[in-house]
C-alpha atoms as a PDB file:
ATOM      1  CA  MET A   1      46.034  -2.821 -10.230  1.00  0.00           C
ATOM      2  CA  ALA A   2      48.049  -1.269 -13.079  1.00  0.00           C
ATOM      3  CA  ILE A   3      49.121   2.182 -14.149  1.00  0.00           C
ATOM      4  CA  TYR A   4      49.202   2.579 -17.929  1.00  0.00           C
ATOM      5  CA  GLN A   5      51.132   4.951 -20.133  1.00  0.00           C
ATOM      6  CA  ILE A   6      48.828   7.663 -21.528  1.00  0.00           C
ATOM      7  CA  VAL A   7      48.480   7.420 -25.316  1.00  0.00           C
ATOM      8  CA  LYS A   8      49.393  10.696 -27.036  1.00  0.00           C
ATOM      9  CA  GLU A   9      47.915  12.631 -29.951  1.00  0.00           C
ATOM     10  CA  GLY A  10      48.848  10.936 -33.216  1.00  0.00           C
ATOM     11  CA  ASP A  11      48.137   7.395 -32.009  1.00  0.00           C
ATOM     12  CA  PRO A  12      45.382   5.926 -34.223  1.00  0.00           C
ATOM     13  CA  VAL A  13      43.439   4.472 -31.252  1.00  0.00           C
ATOM     14  CA  LEU A  14      42.489   8.029 -30.247  1.00  0.00           C
ATOM     15  CA  ARG A  15      40.650   8.441 -33.568  1.00  0.00           C
ATOM     16  CA  GLU A  16      38.647   5.199 -33.406  1.00  0.00           C
ATOM     17  CA  ASN A  17      35.004   4.807 -32.489  1.00  0.00           C
ATOM     18  CA  ALA A  18      35.497   2.651 -29.386  1.00  0.00           C
ATOM     19  CA  ILE A  19      33.798  -0.741 -29.112  1.00  0.00           C
ATOM     20  CA  GLU A  20      30.647  -1.120 -27.020  1.00  0.00           C
ATOM     21  CA  ILE A  21      30.925  -3.196 -23.846  1.00  0.00           C
ATOM     22  CA  LYS A  22      28.271  -5.929 -24.009  1.00  0.00           C
ATOM     23  CA  GLU A  23      28.580  -7.435 -20.537  1.00  0.00           C
ATOM     24  CA  ILE A  24      30.335  -6.962 -17.236  1.00  0.00           C
ATOM     25  CA  THR A  25      33.289  -9.340 -17.040  1.00  0.00           C
ATOM     26  CA  PRO A  26      36.356  -9.487 -14.806  1.00  0.00           C
ATOM     27  CA  SER A  27      38.344  -7.787 -17.588  1.00  0.00           C
ATOM     28  CA  VAL A  28      35.856  -4.883 -17.676  1.00  0.00           C
ATOM     29  CA  ILE A  29      36.152  -4.459 -13.902  1.00  0.00           C
ATOM     30  CA  ARG A  30      39.945  -4.573 -14.244  1.00  0.00           C
ATOM     31  CA  LEU A  31      39.757  -1.933 -16.990  1.00  0.00           C
ATOM     32  CA  LEU A  32      37.780   0.422 -14.712  1.00  0.00           C
ATOM     33  CA  ASP A  33      40.239  -0.168 -11.856  1.00  0.00           C
ATOM     34  CA  ASN A  34      43.207   0.445 -14.178  1.00  0.00           C
ATOM     35  CA  LEU A  35      41.631   3.647 -15.521  1.00  0.00           C
ATOM     36  CA  LYS A  36      41.214   4.913 -11.949  1.00  0.00           C
ATOM     37  CA  ASP A  37      44.757   3.942 -10.926  1.00  0.00           C
ATOM     38  CA  THR A  38      46.191   5.576 -14.046  1.00  0.00           C
ATOM     39  CA  LEU A  39      44.137   8.746 -13.553  1.00  0.00           C
ATOM     40  CA  ASP A  40      45.094   8.904  -9.877  1.00  0.00           C
ATOM     41  CA  SER A  41      48.769   8.716 -10.878  1.00  0.00           C
ATOM     42  CA  THR A  42      48.473  11.958 -12.873  1.00  0.00           C
ATOM     43  CA  SER A  43      48.938  15.327 -11.249  1.00  0.00           C
ATOM     44  CA  ASN A  44      46.095  17.181 -12.914  1.00  0.00           C
ATOM     45  CA  GLY A  45      43.714  14.793 -14.688  1.00  0.00           C
ATOM     46  CA  VAL A  46      39.989  14.660 -13.858  1.00  0.00           C
ATOM     47  CA  GLY A  47      38.869  12.180 -16.503  1.00  0.00           C
ATOM     48  CA  LEU A  48      40.239   9.317 -18.548  1.00  0.00           C
ATOM     49  CA  ALA A  49      38.794   7.188 -21.339  1.00  0.00           C
ATOM     50  CA  ALA A  50      39.939   3.690 -22.290  1.00  0.00           C
ATOM     51  CA  PRO A  51      41.328   4.789 -25.690  1.00  0.00           C
ATOM     52  CA  GLN A  52      43.721   7.059 -23.786  1.00  0.00           C
ATOM     53  CA  ILE A  53      45.414   3.942 -22.400  1.00  0.00           C
ATOM     54  CA  GLY A  54      45.350   2.220 -25.795  1.00  0.00           C
ATOM     55  CA  ILE A  55      42.150   0.195 -25.294  1.00  0.00           C
ATOM     56  CA  SER A  56      39.354   0.760 -27.809  1.00  0.00           C
ATOM     57  CA  LYS A  57      36.438   0.101 -25.444  1.00  0.00           C
ATOM     58  CA  ARG A  58      33.571   2.413 -24.432  1.00  0.00           C
ATOM     59  CA  ALA A  59      34.702   2.957 -20.844  1.00  0.00           C
ATOM     60  CA  ALA A  60      35.559   6.225 -19.131  1.00  0.00           C
ATOM     61  CA  ILE A  61      35.939   7.569 -15.638  1.00  0.00           C
ATOM     62  CA  VAL A  62      35.498  11.043 -14.256  1.00  0.00           C
ATOM     63  CA  HIS A  63      36.852  11.937 -10.831  1.00  0.00           C
ATOM     64  CA  THR A  64      36.384  15.485  -9.611  1.00  0.00           C
ATOM     65  CA  GLU A  65      37.017  16.803  -6.140  1.00  0.00           C
ATOM     66  CA  ASP A  66      33.504  18.223  -5.794  1.00  0.00           C
ATOM     67  CA  GLU A  67      31.442  15.493  -7.471  1.00  0.00           C
ATOM     68  CA  GLY A  68      33.391  12.302  -6.748  1.00  0.00           C
ATOM     69  CA  LEU A  69      34.045   9.296  -8.989  1.00  0.00           C
ATOM     70  CA  PHE A  70      31.880   8.218 -11.935  1.00  0.00           C
ATOM     71  CA  GLU A  71      32.667   5.000 -13.802  1.00  0.00           C
ATOM     72  CA  MET A  72      30.837   4.985 -17.118  1.00  0.00           C
ATOM     73  CA  LEU A  73      30.457   2.118 -19.552  1.00  0.00           C
ATOM     74  CA  ASN A  74      28.862   2.912 -22.931  1.00  0.00           C
ATOM     75  CA  PRO A  75      27.944   6.491 -21.948  1.00  0.00           C
ATOM     76  CA  VAL A  76      25.436   8.269 -24.189  1.00  0.00           C
ATOM     77  CA  ILE A  77      24.576  11.932 -23.798  1.00  0.00           C
ATOM     78  CA  PHE A  78      20.869  12.055 -24.585  1.00  0.00           C
ATOM     79  CA  SER A  79      20.102  15.638 -23.637  1.00  0.00           C
ATOM     80  CA  ALA A  80      22.182  18.808 -23.833  1.00  0.00           C
ATOM     81  CA  ASP A  81      21.162  22.344 -23.002  1.00  0.00           C
ATOM     82  CA  GLY A  82      22.811  25.735 -22.784  1.00  0.00           C
ATOM     83  CA  GLU A  83      26.274  26.676 -23.892  1.00  0.00           C
ATOM     84  CA  GLU A  84      29.457  27.793 -22.223  1.00  0.00           C
ATOM     85  CA  GLU A  85      33.004  28.265 -23.408  1.00  0.00           C
ATOM     86  CA  ASP A  86      36.041  27.520 -21.280  1.00  0.00           C
ATOM     87  CA  TRP A  87      39.641  26.323 -21.417  1.00  0.00           C
ATOM     88  CA  GLU A  88      40.345  22.591 -21.607  1.00  0.00           C
ATOM     89  CA  GLY A  89      43.435  20.444 -21.608  1.00  0.00           C
ATOM     90  CA  CYS A  90      43.974  16.735 -22.109  1.00  0.00           C
ATOM     91  CA  LEU A  91      46.416  14.128 -20.840  1.00  0.00           C
ATOM     92  CA  SER A  92      46.704  12.836 -24.425  1.00  0.00           C
ATOM     93  CA  VAL A  93      47.553  16.296 -25.792  1.00  0.00           C
ATOM     94  CA  PRO A  94      50.166  17.532 -23.298  1.00  0.00           C
ATOM     95  CA  GLY A  95      51.402  21.099 -23.344  1.00  0.00           C
ATOM     96  CA  THR A  96      48.242  22.343 -25.049  1.00  0.00           C
ATOM     97  CA  GLU A  97      45.094  24.151 -24.002  1.00  0.00           C
ATOM     98  CA  GLY A  98      42.075  25.239 -25.991  1.00  0.00           C
ATOM     99  CA  ARG A  99      38.836  27.206 -25.662  1.00  0.00           C
ATOM    100  CA  VAL A 100      35.948  24.813 -26.229  1.00  0.00           C
ATOM    101  CA  VAL A 101      32.220  25.478 -26.381  1.00  0.00           C
ATOM    102  CA  ARG A 102      30.255  22.742 -24.587  1.00  0.00           C
ATOM    103  CA  ALA A 103      26.695  22.283 -23.376  1.00  0.00           C
ATOM    104  CA  SER A 104      26.323  23.690 -19.870  1.00  0.00           C
ATOM    105  CA  LYS A 105      23.830  20.992 -18.803  1.00  0.00           C
ATOM    106  CA  ILE A 106      23.616  17.398 -19.957  1.00  0.00           C
ATOM    107  CA  LYS A 107      21.873  14.143 -19.213  1.00  0.00           C
ATOM    108  CA  VAL A 108      23.952  11.028 -19.732  1.00  0.00           C
ATOM    109  CA  ARG A 109      22.949   7.373 -19.611  1.00  0.00           C
ATOM    110  CA  TYR A 110      25.561   4.722 -18.885  1.00  0.00           C
ATOM    111  CA  MET A 111      26.118   1.327 -17.326  1.00  0.00           C
ATOM    112  CA  ASP A 112      28.028   1.127 -14.052  1.00  0.00           C
ATOM    113  CA  ARG A 113      30.423  -1.623 -12.954  1.00  0.00           C
ATOM    114  CA  THR A 114      27.529  -3.741 -11.660  1.00  0.00           C
ATOM    115  CA  GLY A 115      25.677  -3.612 -14.996  1.00  0.00           C
ATOM    116  CA  ARG A 116      23.047  -1.215 -13.654  1.00  0.00           C
ATOM    117  CA  GLN A 117      21.768   1.476 -16.055  1.00  0.00           C
ATOM    118  CA  VAL A 118      22.300   4.956 -14.623  1.00  0.00           C
ATOM    119  CA  GLU A 119      20.971   8.328 -15.744  1.00  0.00           C
ATOM    120  CA  LEU A 120      22.896  11.333 -14.515  1.00  0.00           C
ATOM    121  CA  PHE A 121      22.145  15.039 -14.778  1.00  0.00           C
ATOM    122  CA  ALA A 122      25.348  17.080 -14.843  1.00  0.00           C
ATOM    123  CA  GLN A 123      26.068  20.764 -15.221  1.00  0.00           C
ATOM    124  CA  GLY A 124      29.048  23.079 -15.275  1.00  0.00           C
ATOM    125  CA  PHE A 125      32.481  21.508 -14.886  1.00  0.00           C
ATOM    126  CA  LEU A 126      31.175  17.950 -14.459  1.00  0.00           C
ATOM    127  CA  ALA A 127      29.136  18.247 -17.672  1.00  0.00           C
ATOM    128  CA  ARG A 128      32.231  19.538 -19.494  1.00  0.00           C
ATOM    129  CA  VAL A 129      34.408  16.651 -18.337  1.00  0.00           C
ATOM    130  CA  ILE A 130      31.792  14.028 -19.257  1.00  0.00           C
ATOM    131  CA  GLN A 131      31.448  15.550 -22.745  1.00  0.00           C
ATOM    132  CA  HIS A 132      35.236  15.579 -23.135  1.00  0.00           C
ATOM    133  CA  GLU A 133      35.564  11.899 -22.132  1.00  0.00           C
ATOM    134  CA  THR A 134      32.582  10.834 -24.260  1.00  0.00           C
ATOM    135  CA  ASP A 135      34.243  12.540 -27.221  1.00  0.00           C
ATOM    136  CA  HIS A 136      37.300  10.304 -26.673  1.00  0.00           C
ATOM    137  CA  LEU A 137      35.061   7.257 -27.102  1.00  0.00           C
ATOM    138  CA  ASN A 138      33.961   8.654 -30.474  1.00  0.00           C
ATOM    139  CA  GLY A 139      37.475   9.402 -31.749  1.00  0.00           C
ATOM    140  CA  ILE A 140      37.208  13.151 -31.123  1.00  0.00           C
ATOM    141  CA  LEU A 141      39.875  15.209 -29.366  1.00  0.00           C
ATOM    142  CA  TYR A 142      39.063  18.515 -27.716  1.00  0.00           C
ATOM    143  CA  ILE A 143      41.408  20.289 -30.126  1.00  0.00           C
ATOM    144  CA  ASP A 144      38.972  19.308 -32.907  1.00  0.00           C
ATOM    145  CA  ARG A 145      36.285  21.415 -31.194  1.00  0.00           C
ATOM    146  CA  ALA A 146      38.479  24.222 -29.875  1.00  0.00           C
ATOM    147  CA  GLN A 147      37.908  27.780 -31.026  1.00  0.00           C
ATOM    148  CA  VAL A 148      41.503  28.668 -30.038  1.00  0.00           C
ATOM    149  CA  VAL A 149      44.412  26.288 -29.380  1.00  0.00           C
ATOM    150  CA  ASN A 150      47.560  27.297 -27.512  1.00  0.00           C
ATOM    151  CA  ARG A 151      50.471  24.900 -27.871  1.00  0.00           C
ATOM    152  CA  ASN A 152      52.920  25.023 -24.947  1.00  0.00           C
ATOM    153  CA  PRO A 153      50.996  27.642 -22.904  1.00  0.00           C
ATOM    154  CA  GLN A 154      52.875  29.406 -20.128  1.00  0.00           C
END
């Protein structure tokens, strides 16, 4: 497929409320494939949302070593419980890290690439990454939520 340039902080698309995907089309499938290819081309990314490649659509992927690949269209977190704080980074905010409080357990509902509705329970790191990517679809960057932000950490 295609590997896209990651959009960086300051680009207006990162601050938009992304557009809902109404139906599965070949272009939606291509978008998911391109998100995966672009994420796989990075050295340290575990999630990527469509706005991060300049496309204002409600699509995101999460790919962790332990949990595998999740392709999410129109994800909605409908339950959140607990709280934990940890460091986060972002491909769209390079050279920066921040301490962010997130729910430790979530339930998320989304549509997969076949149009099937999926409900997923996630906790720990997976829950954090899903919340981070869902924020991108709502025009929120992790630095907006961070308690502490370190620019150019060593």
